[in-house]
Amino acid sequence: MFITQFKLSDVISDPMNYIANLNTPLSMIVIGTNLGAINLKEDWYDKLAWSGVFIRNLFFSIVILEILCVLPLPVIAK
């Protein structure tokens, strides 16, 4: 449709736009319900979860930082 510039009628395009505009609020509702179901007392002692947090937040950040220091990029890009 983008290449051919074919236009849909308003009967079809308006509901599609309404559904597209619901994507962000709907995903926030789903994420909020999942976060609300977490039991913090049990999950606080989960070593697998904490190792995943460590790897994602610290290890990957340090590796990317070292890669950026080696690359010949301007300081603002780093």
PDB file of N, CA and C in Angstrom:
ATOM      1  N   MET A   1       0.819  -1.188   0.000  1.00  0.00           N
ATOM      2  CA  MET A   1       0.000   0.000   0.000  1.00  0.00           C
ATOM      3  C   MET A   1       0.866   1.256   0.000  1.00  0.00           C
ATOM      4  N   PHE A   2       2.033   1.155   0.643  1.00  0.00           N
ATOM      5  CA  PHE A   2       2.924   2.306   0.664  1.00  0.00           C
ATOM      6  C   PHE A   2       3.506   2.576  -0.726  1.00  0.00           C
ATOM      7  N   ILE A   3       3.893   1.525  -1.410  1.00  0.00           N
ATOM      8  CA  ILE A   3       4.517   1.686  -2.729  1.00  0.00           C
ATOM      9  C   ILE A   3       3.489   2.123  -3.762  1.00  0.00           C
ATOM     10  N   THR A   4       2.312   1.524  -3.732  1.00  0.00           N
ATOM     11  CA  THR A   4       1.304   1.830  -4.748  1.00  0.00           C
ATOM     12  C   THR A   4       0.498   3.078  -4.431  1.00  0.00           C
ATOM     13  N   GLN A   5       0.638   3.607  -3.205  1.00  0.00           N
ATOM     14  CA  GLN A   5      -0.126   4.779  -2.756  1.00  0.00           C
ATOM     15  C   GLN A   5      -1.627   4.531  -2.820  1.00  0.00           C
ATOM     16  N   PHE A   6      -1.990   3.280  -2.601  1.00  0.00           N
ATOM     17  CA  PHE A   6      -3.398   2.905  -2.572  1.00  0.00           C
ATOM     18  C   PHE A   6      -4.011   3.397  -1.269  1.00  0.00           C
ATOM     19  N   LYS A   7      -5.125   4.099  -1.347  1.00  0.00           N
ATOM     20  CA  LYS A   7      -5.798   4.652  -0.175  1.00  0.00           C
ATOM     21  C   LYS A   7      -6.975   3.776   0.218  1.00  0.00           C
ATOM     22  N   LEU A   8      -7.073   3.482   1.493  1.00  0.00           N
ATOM     23  CA  LEU A   8      -8.223   2.743   2.007  1.00  0.00           C
ATOM     24  C   LEU A   8      -9.350   3.712   2.322  1.00  0.00           C
ATOM     25  N   SER A   9     -10.538   3.207   2.308  1.00  0.00           N
ATOM     26  CA  SER A   9     -11.674   4.063   2.653  1.00  0.00           C
ATOM     27  C   SER A   9     -11.652   4.351   4.152  1.00  0.00           C
ATOM     28  N   ASP A  10     -12.359   5.395   4.541  1.00  0.00           N
ATOM     29  CA  ASP A  10     -12.399   5.779   5.948  1.00  0.00           C
ATOM     30  C   ASP A  10     -13.052   4.711   6.819  1.00  0.00           C
ATOM     31  N   VAL A  11     -13.937   3.926   6.237  1.00  0.00           N
ATOM     32  CA  VAL A  11     -14.602   2.868   6.989  1.00  0.00           C
ATOM     33  C   VAL A  11     -13.585   1.837   7.467  1.00  0.00           C
ATOM     34  N   ILE A  12     -12.552   1.624   6.682  1.00  0.00           N
ATOM     35  CA  ILE A  12     -11.518   0.657   7.043  1.00  0.00           C
ATOM     36  C   ILE A  12     -10.364   1.329   7.776  1.00  0.00           C
ATOM     37  N   SER A  13      -9.920   2.480   7.336  1.00  0.00           N
ATOM     38  CA  SER A  13      -8.726   3.099   7.907  1.00  0.00           C
ATOM     39  C   SER A  13      -8.949   3.672   9.308  1.00  0.00           C
ATOM     40  N   ASP A  14     -10.147   4.187   9.597  1.00  0.00           N
ATOM     41  CA  ASP A  14     -10.400   4.738  10.933  1.00  0.00           C
ATOM     42  C   ASP A  14     -10.301   3.679  12.034  1.00  0.00           C
ATOM     43  N   PRO A  15     -10.960   2.527  11.904  1.00  0.00           N
ATOM     44  CA  PRO A  15     -10.792   1.494  12.945  1.00  0.00           C
ATOM     45  C   PRO A  15      -9.348   0.994  13.058  1.00  0.00           C
ATOM     46  N   MET A  16      -8.638   0.925  11.928  1.00  0.00           N
ATOM     47  CA  MET A  16      -7.233   0.520  11.980  1.00  0.00           C
ATOM     48  C   MET A  16      -6.418   1.527  12.767  1.00  0.00           C
ATOM     49  N   ASN A  17      -6.670   2.813  12.590  1.00  0.00           N
ATOM     50  CA  ASN A  17      -5.959   3.839  13.346  1.00  0.00           C
ATOM     51  C   ASN A  17      -6.291   3.776  14.828  1.00  0.00           C
ATOM     52  N   TYR A  18      -7.558   3.488  15.161  1.00  0.00           N
ATOM     53  CA  TYR A  18      -7.949   3.362  16.566  1.00  0.00           C
ATOM     54  C   TYR A  18      -7.214   2.200  17.230  1.00  0.00           C
ATOM     55  N   ILE A  19      -7.133   1.086  16.544  1.00  0.00           N
ATOM     56  CA  ILE A  19      -6.432  -0.089  17.080  1.00  0.00           C
ATOM     57  C   ILE A  19      -4.936   0.201  17.210  1.00  0.00           C
ATOM     58  N   ALA A  20      -4.371   0.885  16.225  1.00  0.00           N
ATOM     59  CA  ALA A  20      -2.945   1.228  16.286  1.00  0.00           C
ATOM     60  C   ALA A  20      -2.654   2.158  17.460  1.00  0.00           C
ATOM     61  N   ASN A  21      -3.565   3.065  17.760  1.00  0.00           N
ATOM     62  CA  ASN A  21      -3.364   3.980  18.878  1.00  0.00           C
ATOM     63  C   ASN A  21      -3.507   3.291  20.233  1.00  0.00           C
ATOM     64  N   LEU A  22      -4.071   2.088  20.266  1.00  0.00           N
ATOM     65  CA  LEU A  22      -4.214   1.337  21.515  1.00  0.00           C
ATOM     66  C   LEU A  22      -2.970   0.525  21.869  1.00  0.00           C
ATOM     67  N   ASN A  23      -2.010   0.407  20.964  1.00  0.00           N
ATOM     68  CA  ASN A  23      -0.857  -0.450  21.195  1.00  0.00           C
ATOM     69  C   ASN A  23      -0.096  -0.082  22.467  1.00  0.00           C
ATOM     70  N   THR A  24       0.273   1.176  22.641  1.00  0.00           N
ATOM     71  CA  THR A  24       1.069   1.572  23.803  1.00  0.00           C
ATOM     72  C   THR A  24       0.296   1.431  25.109  1.00  0.00           C
ATOM     73  N   PRO A  25      -0.925   1.969  25.225  1.00  0.00           N
ATOM     74  CA  PRO A  25      -1.633   1.799  26.498  1.00  0.00           C
ATOM     75  C   PRO A  25      -1.913   0.330  26.836  1.00  0.00           C
ATOM     76  N   LEU A  26      -2.230  -0.462  25.830  1.00  0.00           N
ATOM     77  CA  LEU A  26      -2.520  -1.867  26.083  1.00  0.00           C
ATOM     78  C   LEU A  26      -1.275  -2.604  26.566  1.00  0.00           C
ATOM     79  N   SER A  27      -0.125  -2.323  25.978  1.00  0.00           N
ATOM     80  CA  SER A  27       1.099  -2.983  26.433  1.00  0.00           C
ATOM     81  C   SER A  27       1.465  -2.535  27.845  1.00  0.00           C
ATOM     82  N   MET A  28       1.191  -1.277  28.194  1.00  0.00           N
ATOM     83  CA  MET A  28       1.451  -0.820  29.558  1.00  0.00           C
ATOM     84  C   MET A  28       0.548  -1.527  30.563  1.00  0.00           C
ATOM     85  N   ILE A  29      -0.693  -1.778  30.188  1.00  0.00           N
ATOM     86  CA  ILE A  29      -1.607  -2.497  31.066  1.00  0.00           C
ATOM     87  C   ILE A  29      -1.122  -3.931  31.273  1.00  0.00           C
ATOM     88  N   VAL A  30      -0.691  -4.584  30.198  1.00  0.00           N
ATOM     89  CA  VAL A  30      -0.210  -5.964  30.302  1.00  0.00           C
ATOM     90  C   VAL A  30       1.047  -6.033  31.162  1.00  0.00           C
ATOM     91  N   ILE A  31       1.991  -5.119  30.950  1.00  0.00           N
ATOM     92  CA  ILE A  31       3.216  -5.107  31.747  1.00  0.00           C
ATOM     93  C   ILE A  31       2.896  -4.814  33.212  1.00  0.00           C
ATOM     94  N   GLY A  32       1.980  -3.885  33.460  1.00  0.00           N
ATOM     95  CA  GLY A  32       1.599  -3.565  34.836  1.00  0.00           C
ATOM     96  C   GLY A  32       0.963  -4.741  35.541  1.00  0.00           C
ATOM     97  N   THR A  33       0.136  -5.499  34.834  1.00  0.00           N
ATOM     98  CA  THR A  33      -0.476  -6.668  35.475  1.00  0.00           C
ATOM     99  C   THR A  33       0.566  -7.730  35.769  1.00  0.00           C
ATOM    100  N   ASN A  34       1.527  -7.902  34.876  1.00  0.00           N
ATOM    101  CA  ASN A  34       2.593  -8.871  35.140  1.00  0.00           C
ATOM    102  C   ASN A  34       3.457  -8.428  36.309  1.00  0.00           C
ATOM    103  N   LEU A  35       3.762  -7.149  36.396  1.00  0.00           N
ATOM    104  CA  LEU A  35       4.558  -6.659  37.518  1.00  0.00           C
ATOM    105  C   LEU A  35       3.797  -6.758  38.832  1.00  0.00           C
ATOM    106  N   GLY A  36       2.485  -6.581  38.773  1.00  0.00           N
ATOM    107  CA  GLY A  36       1.678  -6.691  39.977  1.00  0.00           C
ATOM    108  C   GLY A  36       1.594  -8.107  40.515  1.00  0.00           C
ATOM    109  N   ALA A  37       1.837  -9.089  39.671  1.00  0.00           N
ATOM    110  CA  ALA A  37       1.754 -10.494  40.089  1.00  0.00           C
ATOM    111  C   ALA A  37       3.065 -11.006  40.675  1.00  0.00           C
ATOM    112  N   ILE A  38       4.094 -10.169  40.712  1.00  0.00           N
ATOM    113  CA  ILE A  38       5.394 -10.607  41.215  1.00  0.00           C
ATOM    114  C   ILE A  38       5.358 -10.661  42.740  1.00  0.00           C
ATOM    115  N   ASN A  39       5.885 -11.742  43.293  1.00  0.00           N
ATOM    116  CA  ASN A  39       6.014 -11.880  44.737  1.00  0.00           C
ATOM    117  C   ASN A  39       7.449 -11.512  45.105  1.00  0.00           C
ATOM    118  N   LEU A  40       7.639 -10.320  45.639  1.00  0.00           N
ATOM    119  CA  LEU A  40       8.987  -9.824  45.897  1.00  0.00           C
ATOM    120  C   LEU A  40       9.712 -10.607  46.978  1.00  0.00           C
ATOM    121  N   LYS A  41       8.987 -11.151  47.947  1.00  0.00           N
ATOM    122  CA  LYS A  41       9.645 -11.912  49.016  1.00  0.00           C
ATOM    123  C   LYS A  41      10.329 -13.158  48.470  1.00  0.00           C
ATOM    124  N   GLU A  42       9.674 -13.849  47.555  1.00  0.00           N
ATOM    125  CA  GLU A  42      10.274 -15.052  46.968  1.00  0.00           C
ATOM    126  C   GLU A  42      11.332 -14.700  45.936  1.00  0.00           C
ATOM    127  N   ASP A  43      11.056 -13.696  45.119  1.00  0.00           N
ATOM    128  CA  ASP A  43      11.958 -13.375  44.020  1.00  0.00           C
ATOM    129  C   ASP A  43      13.223 -12.658  44.480  1.00  0.00           C
ATOM    130  N   TRP A  44      13.222 -12.108  45.678  1.00  0.00           N
ATOM    131  CA  TRP A  44      14.397 -11.393  46.183  1.00  0.00           C
ATOM    132  C   TRP A  44      15.589 -12.338  46.328  1.00  0.00           C
ATOM    133  N   TYR A  45      15.336 -13.598  46.621  1.00  0.00           N
ATOM    134  CA  TYR A  45      16.408 -14.566  46.849  1.00  0.00           C
ATOM    135  C   TYR A  45      16.676 -15.449  45.640  1.00  0.00           C
ATOM    136  N   ASP A  46      16.126 -15.117  44.490  1.00  0.00           N
ATOM    137  CA  ASP A  46      16.315 -15.901  43.272  1.00  0.00           C
ATOM    138  C   ASP A  46      17.670 -15.567  42.654  1.00  0.00           C
ATOM    139  N   LYS A  47      18.615 -16.476  42.778  1.00  0.00           N
ATOM    140  CA  LYS A  47      19.978 -16.225  42.285  1.00  0.00           C
ATOM    141  C   LYS A  47      20.035 -16.141  40.758  1.00  0.00           C
ATOM    142  N   LEU A  48      19.198 -16.893  40.076  1.00  0.00           N
ATOM    143  CA  LEU A  48      19.188 -16.861  38.618  1.00  0.00           C
ATOM    144  C   LEU A  48      18.732 -15.494  38.116  1.00  0.00           C
ATOM    145  N   ALA A  49      17.717 -14.933  38.763  1.00  0.00           N
ATOM    146  CA  ALA A  49      17.237 -13.607  38.360  1.00  0.00           C
ATOM    147  C   ALA A  49      18.311 -12.556  38.605  1.00  0.00           C
ATOM    148  N   TRP A  50      18.981 -12.620  39.751  1.00  0.00           N
ATOM    149  CA  TRP A  50      20.012 -11.625  40.061  1.00  0.00           C
ATOM    150  C   TRP A  50      21.223 -11.766  39.143  1.00  0.00           C
ATOM    151  N   SER A  51      21.550 -12.995  38.753  1.00  0.00           N
ATOM    152  CA  SER A  51      22.662 -13.152  37.813  1.00  0.00           C
ATOM    153  C   SER A  51      22.278 -12.577  36.446  1.00  0.00           C
ATOM    154  N   GLY A  52      21.024 -12.723  36.050  1.00  0.00           N
ATOM    155  CA  GLY A  52      20.564 -12.123  34.799  1.00  0.00           C
ATOM    156  C   GLY A  52      20.610 -10.607  34.857  1.00  0.00           C
ATOM    157  N   VAL A  53      20.214 -10.038  35.999  1.00  0.00           N
ATOM    158  CA  VAL A  53      20.280  -8.585  36.174  1.00  0.00           C
ATOM    159  C   VAL A  53      21.733  -8.115  36.127  1.00  0.00           C
ATOM    160  N   PHE A  54      22.626  -8.846  36.786  1.00  0.00           N
ATOM    161  CA  PHE A  54      24.036  -8.482  36.780  1.00  0.00           C
ATOM    162  C   PHE A  54      24.613  -8.509  35.372  1.00  0.00           C
ATOM    163  N   ILE A  55      24.335  -9.579  34.649  1.00  0.00           N
ATOM    164  CA  ILE A  55      24.885  -9.710  33.293  1.00  0.00           C
ATOM    165  C   ILE A  55      24.338  -8.622  32.384  1.00  0.00           C
ATOM    166  N   ARG A  56      23.035  -8.379  32.448  1.00  0.00           N
ATOM    167  CA  ARG A  56      22.433  -7.398  31.555  1.00  0.00           C
ATOM    168  C   ARG A  56      22.876  -5.976  31.882  1.00  0.00           C
ATOM    169  N   ASN A  57      22.892  -5.625  33.149  1.00  0.00           N
ATOM    170  CA  ASN A  57      23.135  -4.231  33.511  1.00  0.00           C
ATOM    171  C   ASN A  57      24.608  -3.881  33.697  1.00  0.00           C
ATOM    172  N   LEU A  58      25.409  -4.778  34.203  1.00  0.00           N
ATOM    173  CA  LEU A  58      26.807  -4.446  34.461  1.00  0.00           C
ATOM    174  C   LEU A  58      27.758  -5.011  33.409  1.00  0.00           C
ATOM    175  N   PHE A  59      27.681  -6.313  33.200  1.00  0.00           N
ATOM    176  CA  PHE A  59      28.633  -6.965  32.310  1.00  0.00           C
ATOM    177  C   PHE A  59      28.543  -6.425  30.880  1.00  0.00           C
ATOM    178  N   PHE A  60      27.335  -6.379  30.322  1.00  0.00           N
ATOM    179  CA  PHE A  60      27.178  -5.888  28.956  1.00  0.00           C
ATOM    180  C   PHE A  60      27.561  -4.417  28.838  1.00  0.00           C
ATOM    181  N   SER A  61      27.256  -3.635  29.857  1.00  0.00           N
ATOM    182  CA  SER A  61      27.624  -2.221  29.825  1.00  0.00           C
ATOM    183  C   SER A  61      29.136  -2.045  29.800  1.00  0.00           C
ATOM    184  N   ILE A  62      29.833  -2.814  30.606  1.00  0.00           N
ATOM    185  CA  ILE A  62      31.297  -2.719  30.641  1.00  0.00           C
ATOM    186  C   ILE A  62      31.896  -3.182  29.319  1.00  0.00           C
ATOM    187  N   VAL A  63      31.375  -4.260  28.754  1.00  0.00           N
ATOM    188  CA  VAL A  63      31.886  -4.762  27.476  1.00  0.00           C
ATOM    189  C   VAL A  63      31.663  -3.731  26.367  1.00  0.00           C
ATOM    190  N   ILE A  64      30.491  -3.141  26.295  1.00  0.00           N
ATOM    191  CA  ILE A  64      30.200  -2.137  25.271  1.00  0.00           C
ATOM    192  C   ILE A  64      31.072  -0.904  25.477  1.00  0.00           C
ATOM    193  N   LEU A  65      31.267  -0.507  26.719  1.00  0.00           N
ATOM    194  CA  LEU A  65      32.122   0.652  27.008  1.00  0.00           C
ATOM    195  C   LEU A  65      33.555   0.407  26.544  1.00  0.00           C
ATOM    196  N   GLU A  66      34.070  -0.779  26.778  1.00  0.00           N
ATOM    197  CA  GLU A  66      35.427  -1.095  26.327  1.00  0.00           C
ATOM    198  C   GLU A  66      35.514  -1.141  24.802  1.00  0.00           C
ATOM    199  N   ILE A  67      34.492  -1.658  24.152  1.00  0.00           N
ATOM    200  CA  ILE A  67      34.485  -1.675  22.688  1.00  0.00           C
ATOM    201  C   ILE A  67      34.467  -0.253  22.150  1.00  0.00           C
ATOM    202  N   LEU A  68      33.673   0.616  22.760  1.00  0.00           N
ATOM    203  CA  LEU A  68      33.616   2.012  22.314  1.00  0.00           C
ATOM    204  C   LEU A  68      34.941   2.733  22.535  1.00  0.00           C
ATOM    205  N   CYS A  69      35.655   2.401  23.599  1.00  0.00           N
ATOM    206  CA  CYS A  69      36.945   3.045  23.846  1.00  0.00           C
ATOM    207  C   CYS A  69      37.971   2.649  22.796  1.00  0.00           C
ATOM    208  N   VAL A  70      37.861   1.446  22.272  1.00  0.00           N
ATOM    209  CA  VAL A  70      38.823   0.968  21.264  1.00  0.00           C
ATOM    210  C   VAL A  70      38.516   1.555  19.893  1.00  0.00           C
ATOM    211  N   LEU A  71      37.250   1.779  19.581  1.00  0.00           N
ATOM    212  CA  LEU A  71      36.883   2.276  18.262  1.00  0.00           C
ATOM    213  C   LEU A  71      37.289   3.733  18.087  1.00  0.00           C
ATOM    214  N   PRO A  72      37.718   4.091  16.889  1.00  0.00           N
ATOM    215  CA  PRO A  72      38.109   5.487  16.629  1.00  0.00           C
ATOM    216  C   PRO A  72      36.890   6.381  16.345  1.00  0.00           C
ATOM    217  N   LEU A  73      36.123   6.667  17.381  1.00  0.00           N
ATOM    218  CA  LEU A  73      34.935   7.493  17.247  1.00  0.00           C
ATOM    219  C   LEU A  73      35.173   8.836  17.943  1.00  0.00           C
ATOM    220  N   PRO A  74      34.455   9.869  17.499  1.00  0.00           N
ATOM    221  CA  PRO A  74      34.533  11.139  18.238  1.00  0.00           C
ATOM    222  C   PRO A  74      34.024  10.964  19.670  1.00  0.00           C
ATOM    223  N   VAL A  75      34.492  11.789  20.559  1.00  0.00           N
ATOM    224  CA  VAL A  75      34.133  11.667  21.973  1.00  0.00           C
ATOM    225  C   VAL A  75      32.622  11.783  22.183  1.00  0.00           C
ATOM    226  N   ILE A  76      31.992  12.656  21.457  1.00  0.00           N
ATOM    227  CA  ILE A  76      30.551  12.833  21.621  1.00  0.00           C
ATOM    228  C   ILE A  76      29.778  11.588  21.201  1.00  0.00           C
ATOM    229  N   ALA A  77      30.291  10.832  20.246  1.00  0.00           N
ATOM    230  CA  ALA A  77      29.640   9.603  19.811  1.00  0.00           C
ATOM    231  C   ALA A  77      29.802   8.509  20.842  1.00  0.00           C
ATOM    232  N   LYS A  78      30.905   8.541  21.573  1.00  0.00           N
ATOM    233  CA  LYS A  78      31.135   7.520  22.608  1.00  0.00           C
ATOM    234  C   LYS A  78      30.253   7.790  23.788  1.00  0.00           C
TER     235      LYS A  78
END
